Amino acid sequence: MQADKVTVNASQANTGKLGQKLLISGDLIALRLWDEQPGDGEDKSVHTCDYETVGYVIEGRAELTLAKKTIVLEPGVSWVVPQGAEHSYRILEPFRAVEATHPPARGYRDGK
């Protein structure tokens, strides 16, 4: 593995099409950071992903709707969205969270 692929500073990370910071990606997992404001989630309508996502809220609040159940995401809360599960997000207040995806997220949502 090359040294330039071992670490990434968030301030220098690439930004995906939905505004997420693409922190780092290995062969089997990827890490990204979300900094969002209410209204930013308009493009987060019901969708599915070809990867599993686990996340942790650093600050703010959002709603995750998964399996027809809405969960409030707030500081200290972790969540999982299984691969292929229909889900949506709504940002309620300035929101900062980190997510890991397996396999590494690819396609439209990550701008790759």
N, C-alpha and C. Protein backbone atom coordinates (compact mmCIF):
# COMPACT_ATOMS: atom_id res chain seq x y z
N MET A 1 0.85 -1.18 0.00
CA MET A 1 0.00 0.00 0.00
C MET A 1 0.90 1.24 0.00
N GLN A 2 0.56 2.23 -0.81
CA GLN A 2 1.34 3.46 -0.89
C GLN A 2 1.05 4.35 0.31
N ALA A 3 2.07 5.09 0.77
CA ALA A 3 1.93 5.97 1.94
C ALA A 3 0.84 7.01 1.74
N ASP A 4 0.65 7.52 0.53
CA ASP A 4 -0.36 8.55 0.30
C ASP A 4 -1.78 7.99 0.39
N LYS A 5 -1.94 6.68 0.44
CA LYS A 5 -3.26 6.07 0.56
C LYS A 5 -3.57 5.64 2.00
N VAL A 6 -2.63 5.81 2.91
CA VAL A 6 -2.81 5.36 4.29
C VAL A 6 -3.54 6.38 5.14
N THR A 7 -3.36 7.66 4.89
CA THR A 7 -4.04 8.70 5.66
C THR A 7 -4.61 9.77 4.73
N VAL A 8 -5.70 10.40 5.19
CA VAL A 8 -6.32 11.51 4.47
C VAL A 8 -6.76 12.53 5.52
N ASN A 9 -6.40 13.79 5.33
CA ASN A 9 -6.85 14.85 6.21
C ASN A 9 -8.22 15.32 5.71
N ALA A 10 -9.20 15.42 6.59
CA ALA A 10 -10.56 15.79 6.19
C ALA A 10 -10.59 17.11 5.42
N SER A 11 -9.73 18.04 5.78
CA SER A 11 -9.73 19.34 5.09
C SER A 11 -9.23 19.22 3.65
N GLN A 12 -8.59 18.11 3.32
CA GLN A 12 -8.06 17.91 1.97
C GLN A 12 -8.78 16.80 1.22
N ALA A 13 -9.79 16.21 1.82
CA ALA A 13 -10.51 15.10 1.20
C ALA A 13 -11.36 15.57 0.03
N ASN A 14 -11.53 14.71 -0.95
CA ASN A 14 -12.42 15.00 -2.07
C ASN A 14 -13.86 15.07 -1.58
N THR A 15 -14.69 15.81 -2.31
CA THR A 15 -16.10 15.94 -1.97
C THR A 15 -16.94 15.21 -3.00
N GLY A 16 -17.90 14.40 -2.52
CA GLY A 16 -18.80 13.68 -3.41
C GLY A 16 -19.90 14.58 -3.94
N LYS A 17 -20.70 14.07 -4.85
CA LYS A 17 -21.76 14.85 -5.51
C LYS A 17 -22.82 15.37 -4.55
N LEU A 18 -23.00 14.70 -3.39
CA LEU A 18 -24.01 15.15 -2.43
C LEU A 18 -23.40 15.96 -1.29
N GLY A 19 -22.12 16.32 -1.42
CA GLY A 19 -21.49 17.15 -0.41
C GLY A 19 -20.73 16.40 0.66
N GLN A 20 -20.72 15.09 0.62
CA GLN A 20 -20.00 14.31 1.62
C GLN A 20 -18.50 14.36 1.36
N LYS A 21 -17.72 14.37 2.44
CA LYS A 21 -16.26 14.30 2.33
C LYS A 21 -15.87 12.83 2.22
N LEU A 22 -15.16 12.49 1.18
CA LEU A 22 -14.72 11.12 0.94
C LEU A 22 -13.39 10.94 1.66
N LEU A 23 -13.44 10.54 2.91
CA LEU A 23 -12.26 10.53 3.76
C LEU A 23 -11.19 9.55 3.29
N ILE A 24 -11.51 8.28 3.29
CA ILE A 24 -10.51 7.29 2.88
C ILE A 24 -11.24 6.02 2.46
N SER A 25 -10.61 5.29 1.55
CA SER A 25 -11.21 4.06 1.06
C SER A 25 -10.14 2.99 0.92
N GLY A 26 -10.42 1.84 1.51
CA GLY A 26 -9.55 0.68 1.34
C GLY A 26 -10.17 -0.25 0.32
N ASP A 27 -9.67 -1.47 0.27
CA ASP A 27 -10.22 -2.45 -0.67
C ASP A 27 -11.59 -2.95 -0.22
N LEU A 28 -11.85 -2.97 1.12
CA LEU A 28 -13.07 -3.57 1.63
C LEU A 28 -14.01 -2.62 2.37
N ILE A 29 -13.55 -1.41 2.66
CA ILE A 29 -14.38 -0.47 3.44
C ILE A 29 -13.99 0.96 3.07
N ALA A 30 -14.95 1.88 3.20
CA ALA A 30 -14.70 3.30 2.94
C ALA A 30 -15.29 4.12 4.08
N LEU A 31 -14.72 5.29 4.30
CA LEU A 31 -15.16 6.19 5.37
C LEU A 31 -15.46 7.55 4.76
N ARG A 32 -16.60 8.13 5.19
CA ARG A 32 -16.97 9.46 4.69
C ARG A 32 -17.57 10.29 5.81
N LEU A 33 -17.54 11.60 5.63
CA LEU A 33 -18.02 12.56 6.63
C LEU A 33 -19.11 13.41 5.99
N TRP A 34 -20.22 13.56 6.72
CA TRP A 34 -21.34 14.39 6.28
C TRP A 34 -21.42 15.63 7.16
N ASP A 35 -21.45 16.80 6.57
CA ASP A 35 -21.72 18.08 7.22
C ASP A 35 -22.89 18.67 6.46
N GLU A 36 -24.08 18.64 7.05
CA GLU A 36 -25.26 19.06 6.31
C GLU A 36 -26.14 20.00 7.11
N GLN A 37 -26.93 20.77 6.38
CA GLN A 37 -27.88 21.71 6.95
C GLN A 37 -29.29 21.28 6.58
N PRO A 38 -30.30 21.70 7.35
CA PRO A 38 -31.68 21.41 6.93
C PRO A 38 -31.89 21.88 5.49
N GLY A 39 -32.55 21.07 4.72
CA GLY A 39 -32.75 21.38 3.31
C GLY A 39 -31.74 20.68 2.41
N ASP A 40 -30.55 20.38 2.95
CA ASP A 40 -29.55 19.66 2.16
C ASP A 40 -30.04 18.26 1.82
N GLY A 41 -30.92 17.71 2.63
CA GLY A 41 -31.40 16.34 2.44
C GLY A 41 -32.47 16.18 1.39
N GLU A 42 -32.78 17.24 0.65
CA GLU A 42 -33.84 17.14 -0.35
C GLU A 42 -33.53 16.05 -1.37
N ASP A 43 -32.25 15.76 -1.60
CA ASP A 43 -31.85 14.75 -2.58
C ASP A 43 -31.68 13.38 -1.92
N LYS A 44 -32.15 13.23 -0.69
CA LYS A 44 -31.99 11.97 0.03
C LYS A 44 -33.33 11.25 0.18
N SER A 45 -34.10 11.27 -0.89
CA SER A 45 -35.39 10.59 -0.88
C SER A 45 -35.17 9.08 -0.83
N VAL A 46 -36.25 8.32 -0.79
CA VAL A 46 -36.15 6.87 -0.67
C VAL A 46 -35.27 6.30 -1.78
N HIS A 47 -34.29 5.51 -1.36
CA HIS A 47 -33.37 4.89 -2.30
C HIS A 47 -32.77 3.63 -1.67
N THR A 48 -32.06 2.87 -2.47
CA THR A 48 -31.32 1.71 -1.98
C THR A 48 -29.86 1.89 -2.39
N CYS A 49 -28.98 1.18 -1.70
CA CYS A 49 -27.55 1.23 -2.01
C CYS A 49 -27.02 -0.19 -2.15
N ASP A 50 -26.00 -0.36 -2.95
CA ASP A 50 -25.42 -1.69 -3.14
C ASP A 50 -24.29 -1.95 -2.15
N TYR A 51 -24.35 -1.28 -1.01
CA TYR A 51 -23.38 -1.47 0.06
C TYR A 51 -24.08 -1.29 1.41
N GLU A 52 -23.50 -1.85 2.47
CA GLU A 52 -24.00 -1.65 3.83
C GLU A 52 -23.36 -0.39 4.40
N THR A 53 -24.13 0.35 5.19
CA THR A 53 -23.64 1.58 5.80
C THR A 53 -23.81 1.50 7.31
N VAL A 54 -22.76 1.88 8.04
CA VAL A 54 -22.88 2.09 9.48
C VAL A 54 -22.44 3.52 9.74
N GLY A 55 -23.11 4.19 10.68
CA GLY A 55 -22.80 5.59 10.93
C GLY A 55 -22.83 5.93 12.40
N TYR A 56 -22.29 7.11 12.71
CA TYR A 56 -22.25 7.63 14.08
C TYR A 56 -22.44 9.14 14.01
N VAL A 57 -23.39 9.67 14.80
CA VAL A 57 -23.68 11.10 14.80
C VAL A 57 -22.73 11.83 15.74
N ILE A 58 -22.08 12.85 15.23
CA ILE A 58 -21.18 13.69 16.02
C ILE A 58 -21.96 14.86 16.61
N GLU A 59 -22.77 15.51 15.77
CA GLU A 59 -23.61 16.61 16.26
C GLU A 59 -24.82 16.80 15.35
N GLY A 60 -25.84 17.45 15.88
CA GLY A 60 -27.05 17.74 15.11
C GLY A 60 -28.08 16.63 15.19
N ARG A 61 -29.12 16.78 14.35
CA ARG A 61 -30.21 15.81 14.34
C ARG A 61 -30.70 15.58 12.92
N ALA A 62 -31.07 14.34 12.65
CA ALA A 62 -31.66 13.95 11.36
C ALA A 62 -32.63 12.81 11.63
N GLU A 63 -33.47 12.54 10.64
CA GLU A 63 -34.35 11.37 10.71
C GLU A 63 -33.93 10.39 9.64
N LEU A 64 -33.86 9.14 10.02
CA LEU A 64 -33.61 8.04 9.10
C LEU A 64 -34.89 7.21 9.05
N THR A 65 -35.44 7.03 7.86
CA THR A 65 -36.58 6.14 7.70
C THR A 65 -36.08 4.88 7.01
N LEU A 66 -36.29 3.76 7.71
CA LEU A 66 -35.79 2.46 7.28
C LEU A 66 -36.84 1.42 7.65
N ALA A 67 -37.21 0.59 6.71
CA ALA A 67 -38.22 -0.45 6.94
C ALA A 67 -39.51 0.16 7.50
N LYS A 68 -39.90 1.30 6.92
CA LYS A 68 -41.14 2.01 7.28
C LYS A 68 -41.16 2.48 8.73
N LYS A 69 -39.98 2.59 9.35
CA LYS A 69 -39.86 3.08 10.72
C LYS A 69 -38.90 4.27 10.71
N THR A 70 -39.28 5.36 11.38
CA THR A 70 -38.44 6.55 11.43
C THR A 70 -37.69 6.60 12.76
N ILE A 71 -36.40 6.81 12.66
CA ILE A 71 -35.50 6.85 13.81
C ILE A 71 -34.84 8.22 13.83
N VAL A 72 -34.78 8.84 15.01
CA VAL A 72 -34.08 10.13 15.14
C VAL A 72 -32.60 9.84 15.38
N LEU A 73 -31.77 10.43 14.55
CA LEU A 73 -30.32 10.33 14.70
C LEU A 73 -29.84 11.59 15.40
N GLU A 74 -29.21 11.45 16.55
CA GLU A 74 -28.70 12.59 17.32
C GLU A 74 -27.36 12.21 17.93
N PRO A 75 -26.63 13.17 18.49
CA PRO A 75 -25.27 12.88 18.98
C PRO A 75 -25.20 11.63 19.85
N GLY A 76 -24.20 10.80 19.53
CA GLY A 76 -23.99 9.57 20.26
C GLY A 76 -24.72 8.36 19.71
N VAL A 77 -25.61 8.56 18.74
CA VAL A 77 -26.39 7.46 18.17
C VAL A 77 -25.64 6.87 16.97
N SER A 78 -25.62 5.55 16.91
CA SER A 78 -25.07 4.82 15.77
C SER A 78 -26.22 4.17 15.02
N TRP A 79 -26.03 3.89 13.75
CA TRP A 79 -27.07 3.23 12.96
C TRP A 79 -26.44 2.33 11.90
N VAL A 80 -27.26 1.45 11.37
CA VAL A 80 -26.86 0.60 10.26
C VAL A 80 -27.99 0.58 9.23
N VAL A 81 -27.61 0.67 7.96
CA VAL A 81 -28.55 0.48 6.85
C VAL A 81 -28.03 -0.71 6.07
N PRO A 82 -28.75 -1.83 6.09
CA PRO A 82 -28.31 -3.02 5.37
C PRO A 82 -28.23 -2.77 3.86
N GLN A 83 -27.35 -3.49 3.21
CA GLN A 83 -27.22 -3.43 1.76
C GLN A 83 -28.57 -3.73 1.12
N GLY A 84 -28.99 -2.87 0.18
CA GLY A 84 -30.24 -3.09 -0.56
C GLY A 84 -31.50 -2.64 0.14
N ALA A 85 -31.41 -2.14 1.38
CA ALA A 85 -32.60 -1.72 2.12
C ALA A 85 -33.08 -0.35 1.64
N GLU A 86 -34.40 -0.21 1.45
CA GLU A 86 -34.96 1.12 1.11
C GLU A 86 -34.88 2.01 2.33
N HIS A 87 -34.39 3.24 2.14
CA HIS A 87 -34.26 4.18 3.25
C HIS A 87 -34.21 5.60 2.73
N SER A 88 -34.41 6.55 3.65
CA SER A 88 -34.30 7.97 3.32
C SER A 88 -33.83 8.73 4.56
N TYR A 89 -33.30 9.92 4.34
CA TYR A 89 -32.84 10.79 5.42
C TYR A 89 -33.52 12.15 5.31
N ARG A 90 -33.72 12.80 6.44
CA ARG A 90 -34.18 14.19 6.47
C ARG A 90 -33.37 14.89 7.54
N ILE A 91 -32.69 15.97 7.16
CA ILE A 91 -31.85 16.72 8.08
C ILE A 91 -32.74 17.70 8.85
N LEU A 92 -32.71 17.61 10.19
CA LEU A 92 -33.56 18.44 11.04
C LEU A 92 -32.85 19.69 11.55
N GLU A 93 -31.55 19.58 11.79
CA GLU A 93 -30.73 20.72 12.24
C GLU A 93 -29.31 20.44 11.79
N PRO A 94 -28.42 21.45 11.82
CA PRO A 94 -27.06 21.22 11.34
C PRO A 94 -26.52 19.87 11.85
N PHE A 95 -26.08 19.05 10.91
CA PHE A 95 -25.82 17.64 11.17
C PHE A 95 -24.41 17.27 10.72
N ARG A 96 -23.70 16.57 11.59
CA ARG A 96 -22.35 16.08 11.28
C ARG A 96 -22.28 14.62 11.72
N ALA A 97 -21.92 13.75 10.79
CA ALA A 97 -21.85 12.32 11.07
C ALA A 97 -20.76 11.69 10.22
N VAL A 98 -20.25 10.59 10.70
CA VAL A 98 -19.27 9.81 9.95
C VAL A 98 -19.91 8.46 9.62
N GLU A 99 -19.65 7.97 8.40
CA GLU A 99 -20.20 6.69 7.96
C GLU A 99 -19.09 5.83 7.37
N ALA A 100 -19.23 4.54 7.56
CA ALA A 100 -18.38 3.56 6.89
C ALA A 100 -19.27 2.72 5.99
N THR A 101 -18.76 2.35 4.82
CA THR A 101 -19.53 1.55 3.88
C THR A 101 -18.73 0.31 3.47
N HIS A 102 -19.46 -0.80 3.33
CA HIS A 102 -18.83 -2.04 2.89
C HIS A 102 -19.75 -2.73 1.90
N PRO A 103 -19.29 -3.10 0.73
CA PRO A 103 -17.99 -2.72 0.20
C PRO A 103 -17.91 -1.21 0.03
N PRO A 104 -16.73 -0.66 -0.27
CA PRO A 104 -16.62 0.79 -0.41
C PRO A 104 -17.69 1.35 -1.34
N ALA A 105 -18.38 2.41 -0.89
CA ALA A 105 -19.45 3.02 -1.67
C ALA A 105 -18.90 3.46 -3.03
N ARG A 106 -19.66 3.14 -4.05
CA ARG A 106 -19.31 3.53 -5.42
C ARG A 106 -20.55 4.14 -6.05
N GLY A 107 -20.38 4.81 -7.18
CA GLY A 107 -21.50 5.30 -7.96
C GLY A 107 -21.93 6.72 -7.61
N TYR A 108 -23.12 7.07 -8.02
CA TYR A 108 -23.64 8.44 -7.94
C TYR A 108 -23.49 9.06 -6.56
N ARG A 109 -23.84 8.37 -5.52
CA ARG A 109 -23.85 8.97 -4.19
C ARG A 109 -22.47 9.35 -3.68
N ASP A 110 -21.42 8.77 -4.23
CA ASP A 110 -20.08 9.13 -3.80
C ASP A 110 -19.28 9.85 -4.88
N GLY A 111 -19.91 10.09 -6.00
CA GLY A 111 -19.24 10.86 -7.03
C GLY A 111 -18.12 10.11 -7.74
N LYS A 112 -18.10 8.80 -7.63
CA LYS A 112 -17.05 8.02 -8.30
C LYS A 112 -17.63 7.32 -9.50
